[in-house]
């Protein structure tokens, strides 16, 4: 069935129920002329008049009445669905699946998600922790949160935090025993706690900047985790040095539990972004979530 035929069927049902082109058009949210044109095109395609029109009334012809007797139940479901969609848009509901690093949730998203579910109790937020470069679309997620350098291309993005610095940090206990590196190359003689991203990728090339030039140092150490929280915890215990977003450990720095070294070589990232495919903009649950983040962010500026 072509689109114009379906439009004509729906228009016919609406006009027949309301006994008015104007009221039928209002029900469908279109113009009266659009409804009239759709029905005329349907009649022309079928080769039979479906409505009897006079200056004072509108009624179904015998062919029109027989036609709606058979097609009416299906059309009723379509119209009901259209009304429900409008209600759904006003009151977002359903399952909103988010893919993000655990650290981003604890340090950034936890209060935003908590306030969101209070505002929209009909939405269930499914939070999946993941540090990998996952395909959120292929995995069935509505949106993801990553550093700007890690996001998939051709996505709609919303900045959450940034720019951010990547710093090297360790406990005073560790540095008092092992010494403080003066240059990133000094890390080659230190126990660096590394992060595994996904199943196979080991993040052991730490990035730095010097006089506007980027460079990397391939580090090594006796501990590898696939959880950024555990990496920081190990550094707190004096097991080695960590490399992470400064904001992630700011409270530990301010309390003196961790100490930043090589700050003059810190690399800068564009920051954390929420991202999602363009086609997802029509989803009321996601649109409400994006609007909520924008609203809450404006309160803190």
C-alpha atoms as a PDB file:
ATOM      1  CA  UNK A   1       0.000   0.000   0.000  1.00  0.00           C
ATOM      2  CA  UNK A   2       1.307   3.436  -0.957  1.00  0.00           C
ATOM      3  CA  UNK A   3       1.521   6.295   1.528  1.00  0.00           C
ATOM      4  CA  UNK A   4      -1.223   8.352  -0.131  1.00  0.00           C
ATOM      5  CA  UNK A   5      -3.615   5.387   0.089  1.00  0.00           C
ATOM      6  CA  UNK A   6      -2.999   4.947   3.807  1.00  0.00           C
ATOM      7  CA  UNK A   7      -3.431   8.676   4.354  1.00  0.00           C
ATOM      8  CA  UNK A   8      -6.737   8.520   2.520  1.00  0.00           C
ATOM      9  CA  UNK A   9      -7.986   5.583   4.594  1.00  0.00           C
ATOM     10  CA  UNK A  10      -7.155   7.317   7.848  1.00  0.00           C
ATOM     11  CA  UNK A  11      -8.689  10.580   6.656  1.00  0.00           C
ATOM     12  CA  UNK A  12     -11.878   8.775   5.594  1.00  0.00           C
ATOM     13  CA  UNK A  13     -12.227   7.112   8.988  1.00  0.00           C
ATOM     14  CA  UNK A  14     -11.681  10.390  10.850  1.00  0.00           C
ATOM     15  CA  UNK A  15     -14.187  12.348   8.747  1.00  0.00           C
ATOM     16  CA  UNK A  16     -16.790   9.580   8.951  1.00  0.00           C
ATOM     17  CA  UNK A  17     -16.507   9.410  12.740  1.00  0.00           C
ATOM     18  CA  UNK A  18     -16.634  13.172  13.230  1.00  0.00           C
ATOM     19  CA  UNK A  19     -19.087  13.786  10.342  1.00  0.00           C
ATOM     20  CA  UNK A  20     -17.000  16.832   9.564  1.00  0.00           C
ATOM     21  CA  UNK A  21     -13.930  17.579   7.478  1.00  0.00           C
ATOM     22  CA  UNK A  22     -12.871  20.274   9.945  1.00  0.00           C
ATOM     23  CA  UNK A  23     -13.171  18.065  13.018  1.00  0.00           C
ATOM     24  CA  UNK A  24     -11.539  15.143  11.214  1.00  0.00           C
ATOM     25  CA  UNK A  25      -8.609  17.349  10.242  1.00  0.00           C
ATOM     26  CA  UNK A  26      -8.250  18.576  13.821  1.00  0.00           C
ATOM     27  CA  UNK A  27      -8.157  14.986  15.056  1.00  0.00           C
ATOM     28  CA  UNK A  28      -5.338  14.165  12.635  1.00  0.00           C
ATOM     29  CA  UNK A  29      -3.474  17.418  13.219  1.00  0.00           C
ATOM     30  CA  UNK A  30      -3.518  18.427   9.538  1.00  0.00           C
ATOM     31  CA  UNK A  31      -5.350  21.001   7.428  1.00  0.00           C
ATOM     32  CA  UNK A  32      -8.908  20.527   6.186  1.00  0.00           C
ATOM     33  CA  UNK A  33      -7.733  20.805   2.595  1.00  0.00           C
ATOM     34  CA  UNK A  34      -5.161  18.037   3.178  1.00  0.00           C
ATOM     35  CA  UNK A  35      -7.896  15.711   4.473  1.00  0.00           C
ATOM     36  CA  UNK A  36     -10.194  16.516   1.561  1.00  0.00           C
ATOM     37  CA  UNK A  37      -7.417  15.969  -0.979  1.00  0.00           C
ATOM     38  CA  UNK A  38      -6.414  12.616   0.586  1.00  0.00           C
ATOM     39  CA  UNK A  39      -9.985  11.297   0.382  1.00  0.00           C
ATOM     40  CA  UNK A  40     -10.402  12.516  -3.204  1.00  0.00           C
ATOM     41  CA  UNK A  41      -7.214  10.728  -4.210  1.00  0.00           C
ATOM     42  CA  UNK A  42      -8.414   7.528  -2.537  1.00  0.00           C
ATOM     43  CA  UNK A  43     -11.780   7.727  -4.310  1.00  0.00           C
ATOM     44  CA  UNK A  44     -10.038   8.313  -7.639  1.00  0.00           C
ATOM     45  CA  UNK A  45      -7.776   5.315  -7.090  1.00  0.00           C
ATOM     46  CA  UNK A  46     -10.703   3.049  -6.107  1.00  0.00           C
ATOM     47  CA  UNK A  47     -13.003   4.437  -8.802  1.00  0.00           C
ATOM     48  CA  UNK A  48     -15.948   4.874  -6.428  1.00  0.00           C
ATOM     49  CA  UNK A  49     -17.364   7.660  -4.244  1.00  0.00           C
ATOM     50  CA  UNK A  50     -16.926   6.985  -0.539  1.00  0.00           C
ATOM     51  CA  UNK A  51     -18.495  10.144   0.871  1.00  0.00           C
ATOM     52  CA  UNK A  52     -21.703  11.935  -0.015  1.00  0.00           C
ATOM     53  CA  UNK A  53     -21.076  15.644   0.387  1.00  0.00           C
ATOM     54  CA  UNK A  54     -23.701  18.374   0.627  1.00  0.00           C
ATOM     55  CA  UNK A  55     -23.430  21.953   1.819  1.00  0.00           C
ATOM     56  CA  UNK A  56     -24.949  20.943   5.164  1.00  0.00           C
ATOM     57  CA  UNK A  57     -23.845  17.376   5.820  1.00  0.00           C
ATOM     58  CA  UNK A  58     -21.365  14.626   5.103  1.00  0.00           C
ATOM     59  CA  UNK A  59     -22.255  10.940   5.084  1.00  0.00           C
ATOM     60  CA  UNK A  60     -20.836   7.677   3.817  1.00  0.00           C
ATOM     61  CA  UNK A  61     -22.063   6.276   0.552  1.00  0.00           C
ATOM     62  CA  UNK A  62     -23.145   2.629   0.481  1.00  0.00           C
ATOM     63  CA  UNK A  63     -19.705   1.711  -0.882  1.00  0.00           C
ATOM     64  CA  UNK A  64     -18.029   3.826   1.765  1.00  0.00           C
ATOM     65  CA  UNK A  65     -20.043   2.263   4.584  1.00  0.00           C
ATOM     66  CA  UNK A  66     -19.289  -1.276   3.382  1.00  0.00           C
ATOM     67  CA  UNK A  67     -15.628  -0.391   2.999  1.00  0.00           C
ATOM     68  CA  UNK A  68     -15.344   0.952   6.566  1.00  0.00           C
ATOM     69  CA  UNK A  69     -17.243  -2.024   7.982  1.00  0.00           C
ATOM     70  CA  UNK A  70     -14.383  -4.190   6.769  1.00  0.00           C
ATOM     71  CA  UNK A  71     -11.444  -1.824   7.249  1.00  0.00           C
ATOM     72  CA  UNK A  72     -12.761   0.057  10.287  1.00  0.00           C
ATOM     73  CA  UNK A  73     -11.233  -2.079  13.083  1.00  0.00           C
ATOM     74  CA  UNK A  74      -7.735  -1.850  11.615  1.00  0.00           C
ATOM     75  CA  UNK A  75      -8.065   1.882  11.022  1.00  0.00           C
ATOM     76  CA  UNK A  76      -9.333   2.316  14.579  1.00  0.00           C
ATOM     77  CA  UNK A  77      -6.134   0.744  15.850  1.00  0.00           C
ATOM     78  CA  UNK A  78      -4.055   3.098  13.722  1.00  0.00           C
ATOM     79  CA  UNK A  79      -5.864   6.182  15.002  1.00  0.00           C
ATOM     80  CA  UNK A  80      -5.614   4.951  18.582  1.00  0.00           C
ATOM     81  CA  UNK A  81      -1.899   4.396  18.121  1.00  0.00           C
ATOM     82  CA  UNK A  82      -1.496   7.937  16.785  1.00  0.00           C
ATOM     83  CA  UNK A  83      -3.191   9.350  19.868  1.00  0.00           C
ATOM     84  CA  UNK A  84      -1.064   7.193  22.161  1.00  0.00           C
ATOM     85  CA  UNK A  85       2.137   8.373  20.500  1.00  0.00           C
ATOM     86  CA  UNK A  86       1.166  11.946  21.230  1.00  0.00           C
ATOM     87  CA  UNK A  87       0.636  11.064  24.875  1.00  0.00           C
ATOM     88  CA  UNK A  88       3.940   9.171  24.909  1.00  0.00           C
ATOM     89  CA  UNK A  89       5.780  12.235  23.678  1.00  0.00           C
ATOM     90  CA  UNK A  90       4.278  14.332  26.461  1.00  0.00           C
ATOM     91  CA  UNK A  91       5.061  11.705  29.087  1.00  0.00           C
ATOM     92  CA  UNK A  92       8.311   9.916  28.143  1.00  0.00           C
ATOM     93  CA  UNK A  93       8.412   6.281  29.164  1.00  0.00           C
ATOM     94  CA  UNK A  94      10.162   3.029  28.405  1.00  0.00           C
ATOM     95  CA  UNK A  95      13.725   1.756  28.778  1.00  0.00           C
ATOM     96  CA  UNK A  96      16.604   4.200  28.226  1.00  0.00           C
ATOM     97  CA  UNK A  97      19.881   2.280  27.792  1.00  0.00           C
ATOM     98  CA  UNK A  98      23.102   4.187  28.477  1.00  0.00           C
ATOM     99  CA  UNK A  99      26.675   2.973  27.888  1.00  0.00           C
ATOM    100  CA  UNK A 100      29.365   4.790  29.873  1.00  0.00           C
ATOM    101  CA  UNK A 101      32.551   4.316  31.913  1.00  0.00           C
ATOM    102  CA  UNK A 102      32.017   3.591  35.604  1.00  0.00           C
ATOM    103  CA  UNK A 103      34.126   6.614  36.551  1.00  0.00           C
ATOM    104  CA  UNK A 104      31.948   8.914  34.415  1.00  0.00           C
ATOM    105  CA  UNK A 105      28.889   7.720  36.312  1.00  0.00           C
ATOM    106  CA  UNK A 106      30.385   8.171  39.782  1.00  0.00           C
ATOM    107  CA  UNK A 107      32.004  11.532  39.103  1.00  0.00           C
ATOM    108  CA  UNK A 108      29.578  13.102  36.674  1.00  0.00           C
ATOM    109  CA  UNK A 109      26.327  11.335  35.820  1.00  0.00           C
ATOM    110  CA  UNK A 110      25.026   9.879  39.079  1.00  0.00           C
ATOM    111  CA  UNK A 111      23.215  13.034  40.299  1.00  0.00           C
ATOM    112  CA  UNK A 112      21.899  13.799  36.802  1.00  0.00           C
ATOM    113  CA  UNK A 113      20.439  10.319  36.334  1.00  0.00           C
ATOM    114  CA  UNK A 114      18.983  10.303  39.854  1.00  0.00           C
ATOM    115  CA  UNK A 115      17.190  13.614  39.321  1.00  0.00           C
ATOM    116  CA  UNK A 116      16.028  12.470  35.862  1.00  0.00           C
ATOM    117  CA  UNK A 117      14.254   9.332  37.094  1.00  0.00           C
ATOM    118  CA  UNK A 118      12.565  11.385  39.809  1.00  0.00           C
ATOM    119  CA  UNK A 119      11.253  13.767  37.161  1.00  0.00           C
ATOM    120  CA  UNK A 120      10.278  10.995  34.709  1.00  0.00           C
ATOM    121  CA  UNK A 121       9.219   7.971  36.793  1.00  0.00           C
ATOM    122  CA  UNK A 122       7.857   6.171  33.720  1.00  0.00           C
ATOM    123  CA  UNK A 123      11.375   5.943  32.238  1.00  0.00           C
ATOM    124  CA  UNK A 124      13.659   3.121  33.395  1.00  0.00           C
ATOM    125  CA  UNK A 125      17.354   3.976  32.964  1.00  0.00           C
ATOM    126  CA  UNK A 126      19.567   0.967  32.256  1.00  0.00           C
ATOM    127  CA  UNK A 127      23.177   1.981  33.033  1.00  0.00           C
ATOM    128  CA  UNK A 128      25.844  -0.287  31.525  1.00  0.00           C
ATOM    129  CA  UNK A 129      29.458   0.333  32.563  1.00  0.00           C
ATOM    130  CA  UNK A 130      31.951  -0.008  29.733  1.00  0.00           C
ATOM    131  CA  UNK A 131      35.384   1.520  29.084  1.00  0.00           C
ATOM    132  CA  UNK A 132      35.692  -0.045  25.628  1.00  0.00           C
ATOM    133  CA  UNK A 133      35.170   1.647  22.252  1.00  0.00           C
ATOM    134  CA  UNK A 134      31.802  -0.054  21.915  1.00  0.00           C
ATOM    135  CA  UNK A 135      29.355   0.250  19.032  1.00  0.00           C
ATOM    136  CA  UNK A 136      26.396   1.610  20.976  1.00  0.00           C
ATOM    137  CA  UNK A 137      24.047   1.393  18.003  1.00  0.00           C
ATOM    138  CA  UNK A 138      24.899  -2.200  17.179  1.00  0.00           C
ATOM    139  CA  UNK A 139      24.659  -3.158  20.854  1.00  0.00           C
ATOM    140  CA  UNK A 140      21.199  -1.661  21.286  1.00  0.00           C
ATOM    141  CA  UNK A 141      22.043   1.367  23.438  1.00  0.00           C
ATOM    142  CA  UNK A 142      20.212   4.665  23.112  1.00  0.00           C
ATOM    143  CA  UNK A 143      23.255   6.787  23.969  1.00  0.00           C
ATOM    144  CA  UNK A 144      26.815   6.622  25.219  1.00  0.00           C
ATOM    145  CA  UNK A 145      29.236   8.785  27.174  1.00  0.00           C
ATOM    146  CA  UNK A 146      32.901   8.958  26.204  1.00  0.00           C
ATOM    147  CA  UNK A 147      35.821  11.322  25.912  1.00  0.00           C
ATOM    148  CA  UNK A 148      35.641  13.336  22.699  1.00  0.00           C
ATOM    149  CA  UNK A 149      38.549  11.393  21.173  1.00  0.00           C
ATOM    150  CA  UNK A 150      36.760   8.072  21.726  1.00  0.00           C
ATOM    151  CA  UNK A 151      33.334   8.832  20.269  1.00  0.00           C
ATOM    152  CA  UNK A 152      32.057   7.257  17.089  1.00  0.00           C
ATOM    153  CA  UNK A 153      31.755   9.583  14.118  1.00  0.00           C
ATOM    154  CA  UNK A 154      28.513  10.953  12.640  1.00  0.00           C
ATOM    155  CA  UNK A 155      26.846  11.253  16.034  1.00  0.00           C
ATOM    156  CA  UNK A 156      24.895  14.006  17.743  1.00  0.00           C
ATOM    157  CA  UNK A 157      26.974  15.171  20.726  1.00  0.00           C
ATOM    158  CA  UNK A 158      26.398  17.142  23.912  1.00  0.00           C
ATOM    159  CA  UNK A 159      29.369  18.266  25.994  1.00  0.00           C
ATOM    160  CA  UNK A 160      29.076  17.247  29.645  1.00  0.00           C
ATOM    161  CA  UNK A 161      32.471  18.238  31.024  1.00  0.00           C
ATOM    162  CA  UNK A 162      35.604  19.670  29.524  1.00  0.00           C
ATOM    163  CA  UNK A 163      38.201  20.310  28.542  1.00  0.00           C
ATOM    164  CA  UNK A 164      39.930  17.923  30.962  1.00  0.00           C
ATOM    165  CA  UNK A 165      43.561  17.135  31.819  1.00  0.00           C
ATOM    166  CA  UNK A 166      45.128  13.706  31.971  1.00  0.00           C
ATOM    167  CA  UNK A 167      47.571  13.559  34.883  1.00  0.00           C
ATOM    168  CA  UNK A 168      49.993  11.115  36.449  1.00  0.00           C
ATOM    169  CA  UNK A 169      49.393  10.587  40.159  1.00  0.00           C
ATOM    170  CA  UNK A 170      50.473   8.373  43.017  1.00  0.00           C
ATOM    171  CA  UNK A 171      50.397   8.270  46.791  1.00  0.00           C
ATOM    172  CA  UNK A 172      52.970  10.289  48.800  1.00  0.00           C
ATOM    173  CA  UNK A 173      54.000   6.930  50.301  1.00  0.00           C
ATOM    174  CA  UNK A 174      54.918   5.594  46.856  1.00  0.00           C
ATOM    175  CA  UNK A 175      56.796   8.714  45.759  1.00  0.00           C
ATOM    176  CA  UNK A 176      58.721   8.965  49.039  1.00  0.00           C
ATOM    177  CA  UNK A 177      59.966   5.427  48.431  1.00  0.00           C
ATOM    178  CA  UNK A 178      60.444   5.405  44.650  1.00  0.00           C
ATOM    179  CA  UNK A 179      61.149   9.082  43.916  1.00  0.00           C
ATOM    180  CA  UNK A 180      59.208  11.586  41.823  1.00  0.00           C
ATOM    181  CA  UNK A 181      59.616  11.518  38.022  1.00  0.00           C
ATOM    182  CA  UNK A 182      60.859  14.778  36.500  1.00  0.00           C
ATOM    183  CA  UNK A 183      60.117  13.885  32.885  1.00  0.00           C
ATOM    184  CA  UNK A 184      57.612  11.420  31.360  1.00  0.00           C
ATOM    185  CA  UNK A 185      60.530   9.214  30.229  1.00  0.00           C
ATOM    186  CA  UNK A 186      61.331   8.668  33.913  1.00  0.00           C
ATOM    187  CA  UNK A 187      58.137   6.597  34.102  1.00  0.00           C
ATOM    188  CA  UNK A 188      60.074   3.749  32.476  1.00  0.00           C
ATOM    189  CA  UNK A 189      61.611   3.031  35.871  1.00  0.00           C
ATOM    190  CA  UNK A 190      58.310   3.239  37.779  1.00  0.00           C
ATOM    191  CA  UNK A 191      55.533   0.741  38.477  1.00  0.00           C
ATOM    192  CA  UNK A 192      52.698   2.071  36.307  1.00  0.00           C
ATOM    193  CA  UNK A 193      49.216   0.672  36.883  1.00  0.00           C
ATOM    194  CA  UNK A 194      47.776   0.021  33.451  1.00  0.00           C
ATOM    195  CA  UNK A 195      44.232  -0.180  32.131  1.00  0.00           C
ATOM    196  CA  UNK A 196      42.855  -2.857  29.823  1.00  0.00           C
ATOM    197  CA  UNK A 197      40.164  -1.568  27.471  1.00  0.00           C
ATOM    198  CA  UNK A 198      37.893  -4.306  26.187  1.00  0.00           C
ATOM    199  CA  UNK A 199      39.221  -7.840  25.902  1.00  0.00           C
ATOM    200  CA  UNK A 200      42.502  -7.329  24.087  1.00  0.00           C
ATOM    201  CA  UNK A 201      43.544  -3.673  24.052  1.00  0.00           C
ATOM    202  CA  UNK A 202      46.018  -2.642  26.735  1.00  0.00           C
ATOM    203  CA  UNK A 203      46.261   1.102  27.324  1.00  0.00           C
ATOM    204  CA  UNK A 204      49.969   1.369  28.092  1.00  0.00           C
ATOM    205  CA  UNK A 205      50.952   4.331  25.921  1.00  0.00           C
ATOM    206  CA  UNK A 206      50.432   7.337  28.159  1.00  0.00           C
ATOM    207  CA  UNK A 207      50.053  10.623  26.322  1.00  0.00           C
ATOM    208  CA  UNK A 208      51.755  13.916  27.118  1.00  0.00           C
ATOM    209  CA  UNK A 209      52.317  17.382  25.685  1.00  0.00           C
ATOM    210  CA  UNK A 210      55.465  19.492  25.607  1.00  0.00           C
ATOM    211  CA  UNK A 211      55.581  22.946  24.002  1.00  0.00           C
ATOM    212  CA  UNK A 212      52.540  22.180  21.873  1.00  0.00           C
ATOM    213  CA  UNK A 213      53.802  18.785  20.681  1.00  0.00           C
ATOM    214  CA  UNK A 214      52.152  15.497  21.611  1.00  0.00           C
ATOM    215  CA  UNK A 215      54.164  12.411  22.467  1.00  0.00           C
ATOM    216  CA  UNK A 216      53.671   9.047  24.163  1.00  0.00           C
ATOM    217  CA  UNK A 217      55.582   6.942  26.644  1.00  0.00           C
ATOM    218  CA  UNK A 218      55.012   3.198  26.690  1.00  0.00           C
ATOM    219  CA  UNK A 219      54.906   2.251  30.355  1.00  0.00           C
ATOM    220  CA  UNK A 220      54.972  -1.048  32.212  1.00  0.00           C
ATOM    221  CA  UNK A 221      54.099  -2.331  35.651  1.00  0.00           C
ATOM    222  CA  UNK A 222      52.971  -5.252  37.756  1.00  0.00           C
ATOM    223  CA  UNK A 223      49.240  -4.456  37.826  1.00  0.00           C
ATOM    224  CA  UNK A 224      46.614  -4.378  35.071  1.00  0.00           C
ATOM    225  CA  UNK A 225      42.895  -3.749  35.622  1.00  0.00           C
ATOM    226  CA  UNK A 226      39.894  -3.435  33.335  1.00  0.00           C
ATOM    227  CA  UNK A 227      38.173  -1.128  35.814  1.00  0.00           C
ATOM    228  CA  UNK A 228      39.305   2.480  36.256  1.00  0.00           C
ATOM    229  CA  UNK A 229      38.020   2.570  39.850  1.00  0.00           C
ATOM    230  CA  UNK A 230      40.348  -0.276  40.812  1.00  0.00           C
ATOM    231  CA  UNK A 231      43.263   1.463  39.111  1.00  0.00           C
ATOM    232  CA  UNK A 232      42.804   4.506  41.343  1.00  0.00           C
ATOM    233  CA  UNK A 233      42.283   2.357  44.446  1.00  0.00           C
ATOM    234  CA  UNK A 234      45.560   0.562  43.781  1.00  0.00           C
ATOM    235  CA  UNK A 235      47.356   3.900  43.472  1.00  0.00           C
ATOM    236  CA  UNK A 236      45.836   5.005  46.782  1.00  0.00           C
ATOM    237  CA  UNK A 237      47.309   1.893  48.396  1.00  0.00           C
ATOM    238  CA  UNK A 238      50.770   2.813  47.101  1.00  0.00           C
ATOM    239  CA  UNK A 239      50.937  -0.030  44.583  1.00  0.00           C
ATOM    240  CA  UNK A 240      52.048   2.219  41.737  1.00  0.00           C
ATOM    241  CA  UNK A 241      51.273   5.259  39.583  1.00  0.00           C
ATOM    242  CA  UNK A 242      47.981   5.941  37.829  1.00  0.00           C
ATOM    243  CA  UNK A 243      47.193   7.965  34.700  1.00  0.00           C
ATOM    244  CA  UNK A 244      43.689   9.390  34.570  1.00  0.00           C
ATOM    245  CA  UNK A 245      41.444  12.424  34.171  1.00  0.00           C
ATOM    246  CA  UNK A 246      42.356  14.959  36.849  1.00  0.00           C
ATOM    247  CA  UNK A 247      38.723  15.638  37.713  1.00  0.00           C
ATOM    248  CA  UNK A 248      38.317  11.941  38.494  1.00  0.00           C
ATOM    249  CA  UNK A 249      40.743  12.167  41.455  1.00  0.00           C
ATOM    250  CA  UNK A 250      40.375  15.824  42.425  1.00  0.00           C
ATOM    251  CA  UNK A 251      39.060  15.019  45.892  1.00  0.00           C
ATOM    252  CA  UNK A 252      41.974  12.620  46.473  1.00  0.00           C
ATOM    253  CA  UNK A 253      44.424  15.321  45.393  1.00  0.00           C
ATOM    254  CA  UNK A 254      42.865  17.973  47.624  1.00  0.00           C
ATOM    255  CA  UNK A 255      42.906  15.612  50.614  1.00  0.00           C
ATOM    256  CA  UNK A 256      46.565  14.758  50.014  1.00  0.00           C
ATOM    257  CA  UNK A 257      45.908  11.061  49.406  1.00  0.00           C
ATOM    258  CA  UNK A 258      47.235  11.363  45.867  1.00  0.00           C
ATOM    259  CA  UNK A 259      49.899  13.659  44.455  1.00  0.00           C
ATOM    260  CA  UNK A 260      50.119  14.812  40.839  1.00  0.00           C
ATOM    261  CA  UNK A 261      53.504  14.742  39.128  1.00  0.00           C
ATOM    262  CA  UNK A 262      54.583  15.853  35.647  1.00  0.00           C
ATOM    263  CA  UNK A 263      51.754  18.396  35.620  1.00  0.00           C
ATOM    264  CA  UNK A 264      53.607  20.574  33.114  1.00  0.00           C
ATOM    265  CA  UNK A 265      53.373  17.738  30.581  1.00  0.00           C
ATOM    266  CA  UNK A 266      49.668  16.984  31.125  1.00  0.00           C
ATOM    267  CA  UNK A 267      47.705  16.185  27.955  1.00  0.00           C
ATOM    268  CA  UNK A 268      44.428  18.000  27.329  1.00  0.00           C
ATOM    269  CA  UNK A 269      41.261  16.295  26.089  1.00  0.00           C
ATOM    270  CA  UNK A 270      38.091  17.850  24.718  1.00  0.00           C
ATOM    271  CA  UNK A 271      36.188  16.325  27.623  1.00  0.00           C
ATOM    272  CA  UNK A 272      33.264  13.980  28.164  1.00  0.00           C
ATOM    273  CA  UNK A 273      30.300  14.027  25.775  1.00  0.00           C
ATOM    274  CA  UNK A 274      26.924  12.357  25.571  1.00  0.00           C
ATOM    275  CA  UNK A 275      26.477  11.009  22.041  1.00  0.00           C
ATOM    276  CA  UNK A 276      23.747   9.239  20.098  1.00  0.00           C
ATOM    277  CA  UNK A 277      22.760   8.556  16.473  1.00  0.00           C
ATOM    278  CA  UNK A 278      20.817  11.267  14.648  1.00  0.00           C
ATOM    279  CA  UNK A 279      17.771   9.070  14.146  1.00  0.00           C
ATOM    280  CA  UNK A 280      17.414   8.752  17.943  1.00  0.00           C
ATOM    281  CA  UNK A 281      16.461  12.422  18.296  1.00  0.00           C
ATOM    282  CA  UNK A 282      12.816  11.472  17.763  1.00  0.00           C
ATOM    283  CA  UNK A 283      12.738   9.205  20.829  1.00  0.00           C
ATOM    284  CA  UNK A 284      10.834  11.061  23.591  1.00  0.00           C
ATOM    285  CA  UNK A 285      12.734   9.288  26.397  1.00  0.00           C
ATOM    286  CA  UNK A 286      16.113  10.343  24.972  1.00  0.00           C
ATOM    287  CA  UNK A 287      14.952  13.840  24.083  1.00  0.00           C
ATOM    288  CA  UNK A 288      13.726  14.287  27.663  1.00  0.00           C
ATOM    289  CA  UNK A 289      17.074  13.041  29.004  1.00  0.00           C
ATOM    290  CA  UNK A 290      19.052  15.459  26.816  1.00  0.00           C
ATOM    291  CA  UNK A 291      16.794  18.371  27.801  1.00  0.00           C
ATOM    292  CA  UNK A 292      17.172  17.442  31.464  1.00  0.00           C
ATOM    293  CA  UNK A 293      20.966  17.465  31.230  1.00  0.00           C
ATOM    294  CA  UNK A 294      20.913  20.852  29.494  1.00  0.00           C
ATOM    295  CA  UNK A 295      18.574  22.243  32.150  1.00  0.00           C
ATOM    296  CA  UNK A 296      20.640  20.956  35.074  1.00  0.00           C
ATOM    297  CA  UNK A 297      23.903  22.087  33.486  1.00  0.00           C
ATOM    298  CA  UNK A 298      22.579  25.631  33.058  1.00  0.00           C
ATOM    299  CA  UNK A 299      21.868  25.799  36.803  1.00  0.00           C
ATOM    300  CA  UNK A 300      25.528  25.208  37.632  1.00  0.00           C
ATOM    301  CA  UNK A 301      26.901  27.857  35.289  1.00  0.00           C
END
